Amino acid sequence: MRTPGRGRRPDRGRGRILASIRDETLRWRKIKEPPEDPRTGQHRWTVDTANREVGRSVDSPFTVSEWSAQRWRCLQWVKDKAALEHLTPLTWTPKEGYRFSADPAEWISYERHRFHTELTRITRLITATVGPHAGARPNDKFARTILAQLEGVRATYESLVTDQS
């Protein structure tokens, strides 16, 4: 890629990344007018901003969707590791969001809510996918086995969701 004036720096990846913009006029306009760095206020291209400009993924989160993905991975780690290590369940409420709760009543309420969500998913899987499969091919052993297993799972979740206290 040739750059206007003395702007050529072969040791940098930004130019090569921006070279993937096919429209030459747009490419040069983007190169000459770099975005403002929100932390420093300077107008400059970084490898991450160039990658974002051409639609590639980046290493450090900046946009809401990138930040959300990173937060989701962190939350999964907390759910998988930290809650079990500290024996304090991680619960979620609309008012307070995710938190470690010391109240067993909140644990039970959250667990029932999660079981209800899974019950809904399994019921929809049965009615929208496996049920029609078994109905269309009544002699299909695979479909009958899945349907029987899922019906058992659904019955178990229904008993967990109902208030038995």
C-alpha atoms as a PDB file:
ATOM      1  CA  MET A   1       0.000   0.000   0.000  1.00  0.00           C
ATOM      2  CA  ARG A   2       1.286   3.455  -0.839  1.00  0.00           C
ATOM      3  CA  THR A   3       0.473   6.281   1.499  1.00  0.00           C
ATOM      4  CA  PRO A   4       0.357   9.983   0.700  1.00  0.00           C
ATOM      5  CA  GLY A   5       3.452  12.004   1.602  1.00  0.00           C
ATOM      6  CA  ARG A   6       5.837  10.711   4.244  1.00  0.00           C
ATOM      7  CA  GLY A   7       3.219   8.620   6.052  1.00  0.00           C
ATOM      8  CA  ARG A   8       4.641   5.245   5.133  1.00  0.00           C
ATOM      9  CA  ARG A   9       5.622   3.107   8.109  1.00  0.00           C
ATOM     10  CA  PRO A  10       6.152  -0.509   7.033  1.00  0.00           C
ATOM     11  CA  ASP A  11       6.700  -1.619  10.631  1.00  0.00           C
ATOM     12  CA  ARG A  12       3.060  -0.830  11.553  1.00  0.00           C
ATOM     13  CA  GLY A  13       0.046  -3.022  10.885  1.00  0.00           C
ATOM     14  CA  ARG A  14      -2.547  -0.226  10.767  1.00  0.00           C
ATOM     15  CA  GLY A  15      -1.851   0.631   7.140  1.00  0.00           C
ATOM     16  CA  ARG A  16      -2.115  -2.962   6.040  1.00  0.00           C
ATOM     17  CA  ILE A  17      -5.365  -3.342   7.923  1.00  0.00           C
ATOM     18  CA  LEU A  18      -6.881  -0.179   6.409  1.00  0.00           C
ATOM     19  CA  ALA A  19      -5.695  -1.302   2.970  1.00  0.00           C
ATOM     20  CA  SER A  20      -8.504  -3.859   3.065  1.00  0.00           C
ATOM     21  CA  ILE A  21     -11.032  -1.025   2.522  1.00  0.00           C
ATOM     22  CA  ARG A  22     -11.830  -1.551  -1.155  1.00  0.00           C
ATOM     23  CA  ASP A  23     -13.086   1.918  -2.026  1.00  0.00           C
ATOM     24  CA  GLU A  24      -9.878   3.908  -2.566  1.00  0.00           C
ATOM     25  CA  THR A  25     -11.465   7.312  -1.923  1.00  0.00           C
ATOM     26  CA  LEU A  26     -13.007   6.122   1.327  1.00  0.00           C
ATOM     27  CA  ARG A  27      -9.759   4.413   2.345  1.00  0.00           C
ATOM     28  CA  TRP A  28      -7.712   7.622   1.929  1.00  0.00           C
ATOM     29  CA  ARG A  29     -10.335   9.695   3.711  1.00  0.00           C
ATOM     30  CA  LYS A  30     -10.248   7.255   6.641  1.00  0.00           C
ATOM     31  CA  ILE A  31      -6.431   7.285   6.718  1.00  0.00           C
ATOM     32  CA  LYS A  32      -6.266  11.103   6.676  1.00  0.00           C
ATOM     33  CA  GLU A  33      -9.015  11.517   9.307  1.00  0.00           C
ATOM     34  CA  PRO A  34      -8.260   9.092  12.144  1.00  0.00           C
ATOM     35  CA  PRO A  35     -10.803   8.696  14.942  1.00  0.00           C
ATOM     36  CA  GLU A  36     -10.422  10.408  18.293  1.00  0.00           C
ATOM     37  CA  ASP A  37      -9.023   8.270  21.083  1.00  0.00           C
ATOM     38  CA  PRO A  38     -11.563   8.668  23.924  1.00  0.00           C
ATOM     39  CA  ARG A  39      -8.876   8.305  26.598  1.00  0.00           C
ATOM     40  CA  THR A  40      -6.316  10.796  25.248  1.00  0.00           C
ATOM     41  CA  GLY A  41      -8.375  12.986  22.939  1.00  0.00           C
ATOM     42  CA  GLN A  42      -5.778  12.556  20.169  1.00  0.00           C
ATOM     43  CA  HIS A  43      -6.815  11.751  16.623  1.00  0.00           C
ATOM     44  CA  ARG A  44      -4.836   8.651  15.664  1.00  0.00           C
ATOM     45  CA  TRP A  45      -5.128   5.133  14.338  1.00  0.00           C
ATOM     46  CA  THR A  46      -4.311   2.172  16.543  1.00  0.00           C
ATOM     47  CA  VAL A  47      -4.282  -1.443  15.448  1.00  0.00           C
ATOM     48  CA  ASP A  48      -7.517  -2.015  17.387  1.00  0.00           C
ATOM     49  CA  THR A  49      -9.335   0.991  15.889  1.00  0.00           C
ATOM     50  CA  ALA A  50      -8.195  -0.023  12.402  1.00  0.00           C
ATOM     51  CA  ASN A  51      -9.436  -3.575  12.988  1.00  0.00           C
ATOM     52  CA  ARG A  52     -12.784  -2.252  14.228  1.00  0.00           C
ATOM     53  CA  GLU A  53     -13.066  -0.002  11.174  1.00  0.00           C
ATOM     54  CA  VAL A  54     -12.793  -2.952   8.788  1.00  0.00           C
ATOM     55  CA  GLY A  55     -14.998  -5.236  10.924  1.00  0.00           C
ATOM     56  CA  ARG A  56     -12.386  -7.491  12.511  1.00  0.00           C
ATOM     57  CA  SER A  57     -12.307  -8.635  16.120  1.00  0.00           C
ATOM     58  CA  VAL A  58      -9.912  -6.998  18.567  1.00  0.00           C
ATOM     59  CA  ASP A  59      -7.973  -8.057  21.650  1.00  0.00           C
ATOM     60  CA  SER A  60      -9.147  -5.328  24.015  1.00  0.00           C
ATOM     61  CA  PRO A  61     -12.875  -4.625  24.444  1.00  0.00           C
ATOM     62  CA  PHE A  62     -14.131  -1.178  23.581  1.00  0.00           C
ATOM     63  CA  THR A  63     -17.604  -1.416  22.120  1.00  0.00           C
ATOM     64  CA  VAL A  64     -20.635  -2.486  24.138  1.00  0.00           C
ATOM     65  CA  SER A  65     -20.861  -5.869  22.416  1.00  0.00           C
ATOM     66  CA  GLU A  66     -17.146  -6.549  22.941  1.00  0.00           C
ATOM     67  CA  TRP A  67     -17.359  -5.471  26.590  1.00  0.00           C
ATOM     68  CA  SER A  68     -20.508  -7.562  27.092  1.00  0.00           C
ATOM     69  CA  ALA A  69     -18.760 -10.674  25.753  1.00  0.00           C
ATOM     70  CA  GLN A  70     -15.865 -10.141  28.146  1.00  0.00           C
ATOM     71  CA  ARG A  71     -18.223  -9.544  31.072  1.00  0.00           C
ATOM     72  CA  TRP A  72     -20.144 -12.694  30.136  1.00  0.00           C
ATOM     73  CA  ARG A  73     -16.954 -14.790  30.235  1.00  0.00           C
ATOM     74  CA  CYS A  74     -16.077 -13.316  33.634  1.00  0.00           C
ATOM     75  CA  LEU A  75     -19.574 -13.998  34.938  1.00  0.00           C
ATOM     76  CA  GLN A  76     -19.341 -17.589  33.706  1.00  0.00           C
ATOM     77  CA  TRP A  77     -16.089 -17.996  35.633  1.00  0.00           C
ATOM     78  CA  VAL A  78     -17.742 -16.624  38.770  1.00  0.00           C
ATOM     79  CA  LYS A  79     -20.656 -19.026  38.322  1.00  0.00           C
ATOM     80  CA  ASP A  80     -18.418 -22.020  37.594  1.00  0.00           C
ATOM     81  CA  LYS A  81     -15.635 -21.472  40.129  1.00  0.00           C
ATOM     82  CA  ALA A  82     -16.055 -18.738  42.716  1.00  0.00           C
ATOM     83  CA  ALA A  83     -19.578 -19.602  43.881  1.00  0.00           C
ATOM     84  CA  LEU A  84     -18.652 -23.246  44.465  1.00  0.00           C
ATOM     85  CA  GLU A  85     -15.354 -22.406  46.176  1.00  0.00           C
ATOM     86  CA  HIS A  86     -17.050 -20.014  48.612  1.00  0.00           C
ATOM     87  CA  LEU A  87     -20.256 -22.069  48.953  1.00  0.00           C
ATOM     88  CA  THR A  88     -22.353 -18.975  48.396  1.00  0.00           C
ATOM     89  CA  PRO A  89     -24.717 -19.165  45.417  1.00  0.00           C
ATOM     90  CA  LEU A  90     -24.698 -16.434  42.841  1.00  0.00           C
ATOM     91  CA  THR A  91     -28.264 -15.200  42.347  1.00  0.00           C
ATOM     92  CA  TRP A  92     -29.893 -12.607  40.134  1.00  0.00           C
ATOM     93  CA  THR A  93     -32.807 -10.270  40.794  1.00  0.00           C
ATOM     94  CA  PRO A  94     -34.172  -7.528  38.549  1.00  0.00           C
ATOM     95  CA  LYS A  95     -33.647  -4.983  41.326  1.00  0.00           C
ATOM     96  CA  GLU A  96     -30.045  -5.860  42.278  1.00  0.00           C
ATOM     97  CA  GLY A  97     -28.683  -7.864  39.327  1.00  0.00           C
ATOM     98  CA  TYR A  98     -26.141 -10.609  40.047  1.00  0.00           C
ATOM     99  CA  ARG A  99     -24.880 -10.922  43.584  1.00  0.00           C
ATOM    100  CA  PHE A 100     -23.783 -13.397  46.235  1.00  0.00           C
ATOM    101  CA  SER A 101     -26.716 -13.841  48.566  1.00  0.00           C
ATOM    102  CA  ALA A 102     -26.720 -15.170  52.115  1.00  0.00           C
ATOM    103  CA  ASP A 103     -30.497 -15.720  52.184  1.00  0.00           C
ATOM    104  CA  PRO A 104     -31.567 -19.334  51.446  1.00  0.00           C
ATOM    105  CA  ALA A 105     -35.035 -18.119  50.397  1.00  0.00           C
ATOM    106  CA  GLU A 106     -33.412 -16.113  47.585  1.00  0.00           C
ATOM    107  CA  TRP A 107     -31.408 -19.179  46.541  1.00  0.00           C
ATOM    108  CA  ILE A 108     -34.561 -21.286  46.268  1.00  0.00           C
ATOM    109  CA  SER A 109     -36.445 -18.576  44.401  1.00  0.00           C
ATOM    110  CA  TYR A 110     -33.596 -18.150  41.915  1.00  0.00           C
ATOM    111  CA  GLU A 111     -33.198 -21.911  41.449  1.00  0.00           C
ATOM    112  CA  ARG A 112     -36.927 -22.323  40.784  1.00  0.00           C
ATOM    113  CA  HIS A 113     -36.773 -19.504  38.266  1.00  0.00           C
ATOM    114  CA  ARG A 114     -33.855 -21.189  36.463  1.00  0.00           C
ATOM    115  CA  PHE A 115     -35.645 -24.558  36.483  1.00  0.00           C
ATOM    116  CA  HIS A 116     -38.742 -22.874  35.056  1.00  0.00           C
ATOM    117  CA  THR A 117     -36.617 -21.392  32.251  1.00  0.00           C
ATOM    118  CA  GLU A 118     -35.157 -24.819  31.456  1.00  0.00           C
ATOM    119  CA  LEU A 119     -38.623 -26.413  31.684  1.00  0.00           C
ATOM    120  CA  THR A 120     -39.851 -23.954  29.065  1.00  0.00           C
ATOM    121  CA  ARG A 121     -36.903 -24.740  26.767  1.00  0.00           C
ATOM    122  CA  ILE A 122     -37.404 -28.507  27.089  1.00  0.00           C
ATOM    123  CA  THR A 123     -41.153 -28.215  26.545  1.00  0.00           C
ATOM    124  CA  ARG A 124     -40.546 -26.217  23.368  1.00  0.00           C
ATOM    125  CA  LEU A 125     -37.957 -28.749  22.203  1.00  0.00           C
ATOM    126  CA  ILE A 126     -40.535 -31.509  22.674  1.00  0.00           C
ATOM    127  CA  THR A 127     -43.432 -29.685  21.016  1.00  0.00           C
ATOM    128  CA  ALA A 128     -41.531 -28.049  18.158  1.00  0.00           C
ATOM    129  CA  THR A 129     -38.834 -30.577  17.258  1.00  0.00           C
ATOM    130  CA  VAL A 130     -38.922 -34.030  18.816  1.00  0.00           C
ATOM    131  CA  GLY A 131     -42.733 -34.397  18.940  1.00  0.00           C
ATOM    132  CA  PRO A 132     -43.229 -33.683  15.221  1.00  0.00           C
ATOM    133  CA  HIS A 133     -40.268 -35.968  14.424  1.00  0.00           C
ATOM    134  CA  ALA A 134     -41.815 -38.828  16.431  1.00  0.00           C
ATOM    135  CA  GLY A 135     -45.247 -38.106  14.911  1.00  0.00           C
ATOM    136  CA  ALA A 136     -43.935 -38.137  11.354  1.00  0.00           C
ATOM    137  CA  ARG A 137     -41.914 -41.321  11.898  1.00  0.00           C
ATOM    138  CA  PRO A 138     -43.659 -43.354  14.628  1.00  0.00           C
ATOM    139  CA  ASN A 139     -41.351 -46.345  14.089  1.00  0.00           C
ATOM    140  CA  ASP A 140     -38.132 -44.305  14.509  1.00  0.00           C
ATOM    141  CA  LYS A 141     -36.467 -45.734  17.614  1.00  0.00           C
ATOM    142  CA  PHE A 142     -34.214 -42.677  18.036  1.00  0.00           C
ATOM    143  CA  ALA A 143     -37.179 -40.256  18.072  1.00  0.00           C
ATOM    144  CA  ARG A 144     -39.145 -42.429  20.513  1.00  0.00           C
ATOM    145  CA  THR A 145     -36.139 -42.710  22.861  1.00  0.00           C
ATOM    146  CA  ILE A 146     -35.496 -38.956  22.855  1.00  0.00           C
ATOM    147  CA  LEU A 147     -39.177 -38.221  23.422  1.00  0.00           C
ATOM    148  CA  ALA A 148     -39.362 -40.632  26.370  1.00  0.00           C
ATOM    149  CA  GLN A 149     -36.187 -39.228  27.939  1.00  0.00           C
ATOM    150  CA  LEU A 150     -37.291 -35.612  27.515  1.00  0.00           C
ATOM    151  CA  GLU A 151     -40.720 -36.354  28.962  1.00  0.00           C
ATOM    152  CA  GLY A 152     -38.962 -37.708  32.050  1.00  0.00           C
ATOM    153  CA  VAL A 153     -36.791 -34.607  32.282  1.00  0.00           C
ATOM    154  CA  ARG A 154     -39.844 -32.387  31.844  1.00  0.00           C
ATOM    155  CA  ALA A 155     -41.667 -34.212  34.671  1.00  0.00           C
ATOM    156  CA  THR A 156     -38.637 -33.762  36.925  1.00  0.00           C
ATOM    157  CA  TYR A 157     -38.411 -30.031  36.196  1.00  0.00           C
ATOM    158  CA  GLU A 158     -42.156 -29.604  36.748  1.00  0.00           C
ATOM    159  CA  SER A 159     -41.804 -31.116  40.218  1.00  0.00           C
ATOM    160  CA  LEU A 160     -38.836 -28.819  40.972  1.00  0.00           C
ATOM    161  CA  VAL A 161     -40.676 -25.703  39.809  1.00  0.00           C
ATOM    162  CA  THR A 162     -43.809 -26.255  41.881  1.00  0.00           C
ATOM    163  CA  ASP A 163     -43.823 -24.813  45.387  1.00  0.00           C
ATOM    164  CA  GLN A 164     -43.422 -27.804  47.716  1.00  0.00           C
ATOM    165  CA  SER A 165     -42.298 -25.962  50.841  1.00  0.00           C
END
